[in-house]
Protein backbone atom coordinates (compact mmCIF):
# COMPACT_ATOMS: atom_id res chain seq x y z
CA MET A 1 0.00 0.00 0.00
CA GLU A 2 1.51 3.32 -1.09
CA GLU A 3 1.46 6.12 1.48
CA ALA A 4 1.91 9.75 0.57
CA ASN A 5 1.19 13.38 1.47
CA PHE A 6 -2.01 15.46 1.43
CA GLY A 7 -1.35 16.62 -2.15
CA PHE A 8 -1.43 12.97 -3.21
CA ALA A 9 -4.74 12.57 -1.36
CA LEU A 10 -6.27 15.61 -3.08
CA GLN A 11 -5.13 14.48 -6.53
CA ASN A 12 -6.74 11.11 -5.99
CA LEU A 13 -9.95 12.65 -4.66
CA LYS A 14 -10.15 14.79 -7.80
CA ALA A 15 -9.63 11.62 -9.88
CA GLY A 16 -12.72 10.09 -8.24
CA LYS A 17 -10.93 7.80 -5.77
CA LYS A 18 -11.50 7.43 -2.04
CA VAL A 19 -8.65 8.16 0.39
CA ALA A 20 -7.86 7.70 4.06
CA ARG A 21 -5.01 8.04 6.52
CA ALA A 22 -3.22 4.90 7.64
CA GLY A 23 -4.03 5.57 11.30
CA TRP A 24 -7.75 6.07 10.76
CA ASN A 25 -10.34 3.45 11.48
CA ALA A 26 -10.63 1.20 8.42
CA HIS A 27 -14.29 2.15 8.01
CA HIS A 28 -13.67 5.89 7.61
CA VAL A 29 -12.79 7.16 4.14
CA LEU A 30 -12.96 10.47 2.30
CA GLY A 31 -14.59 11.21 -1.02
CA LEU A 32 -15.18 14.28 -3.17
CA GLN A 33 -18.68 15.37 -4.16
CA VAL A 34 -18.80 17.35 -7.39
CA PRO A 35 -22.26 18.92 -7.73
CA ASP A 36 -24.29 18.59 -10.91
CA GLU A 37 -27.31 20.56 -12.12
CA ASN A 38 -29.56 18.68 -9.65
CA SER A 39 -27.43 19.37 -6.56
CA ALA A 40 -28.33 21.83 -3.82
CA ASN A 41 -24.63 22.61 -3.36
CA THR A 42 -22.88 24.50 -6.12
CA LEU A 43 -19.20 23.87 -5.29
CA PRO A 44 -17.27 20.62 -4.77
CA TYR A 45 -16.72 19.49 -1.18
CA ILE A 46 -14.91 16.70 0.66
CA PHE A 47 -16.98 14.30 2.74
CA MET A 48 -16.20 11.47 5.13
CA VAL A 49 -18.08 8.21 4.96
CA VAL A 50 -18.54 7.10 8.55
CA GLY A 51 -18.34 3.33 8.72
CA ALA A 52 -19.98 0.53 10.58
CA ASP A 53 -18.06 1.17 13.81
CA ALA A 54 -20.03 4.36 14.41
CA GLN A 55 -23.24 2.80 15.66
CA ASP A 56 -25.67 5.60 14.78
CA MET A 57 -23.93 6.73 11.55
CA GLN A 58 -23.52 3.52 9.54
CA GLY A 59 -22.44 4.42 6.02
CA LYS A 60 -23.48 8.07 6.34
CA ARG A 61 -21.69 11.01 4.76
CA VAL A 62 -20.62 14.02 6.79
CA PRO A 63 -18.73 17.14 5.61
CA TRP A 64 -15.02 17.01 6.41
CA ILE A 65 -12.39 19.70 6.95
CA ALA A 66 -8.68 18.84 7.16
CA SER A 67 -6.79 19.60 10.35
CA GLN A 68 -3.20 20.81 10.28
CA THR A 69 -2.16 17.33 11.35
CA ASP A 70 -4.01 15.81 8.38
CA MET A 71 -2.49 18.30 5.92
CA LEU A 72 1.06 17.66 7.16
CA ALA A 73 0.74 13.86 7.37
CA ASP A 74 2.57 11.50 5.02
CA ASP A 75 0.38 8.45 5.63
CA TRP A 76 -2.41 9.05 3.09
CA THR A 77 -3.52 6.05 1.05
CA VAL A 78 -5.98 5.31 -1.74
CA VAL A 79 -8.83 3.07 -0.58
CA GLU A 80 -9.99 0.54 -3.16
């Protein structure tokens, strides 16, 4: 599994892939939503899919904002 920096993560999000940090719970991944003509939002945004370990949020999307720790980390991976 290749690990890389936040720029790598952003490039892969823009390419339609899901990403995560190596230290995150395996059920939490990030994606990028690009609005279309039917979307309420008009600009792209990053979301986190909260996995099965979060009892009341199984498979739900929540908006995500990177922390300084996330932006400076070198353990980003593409999730297949």
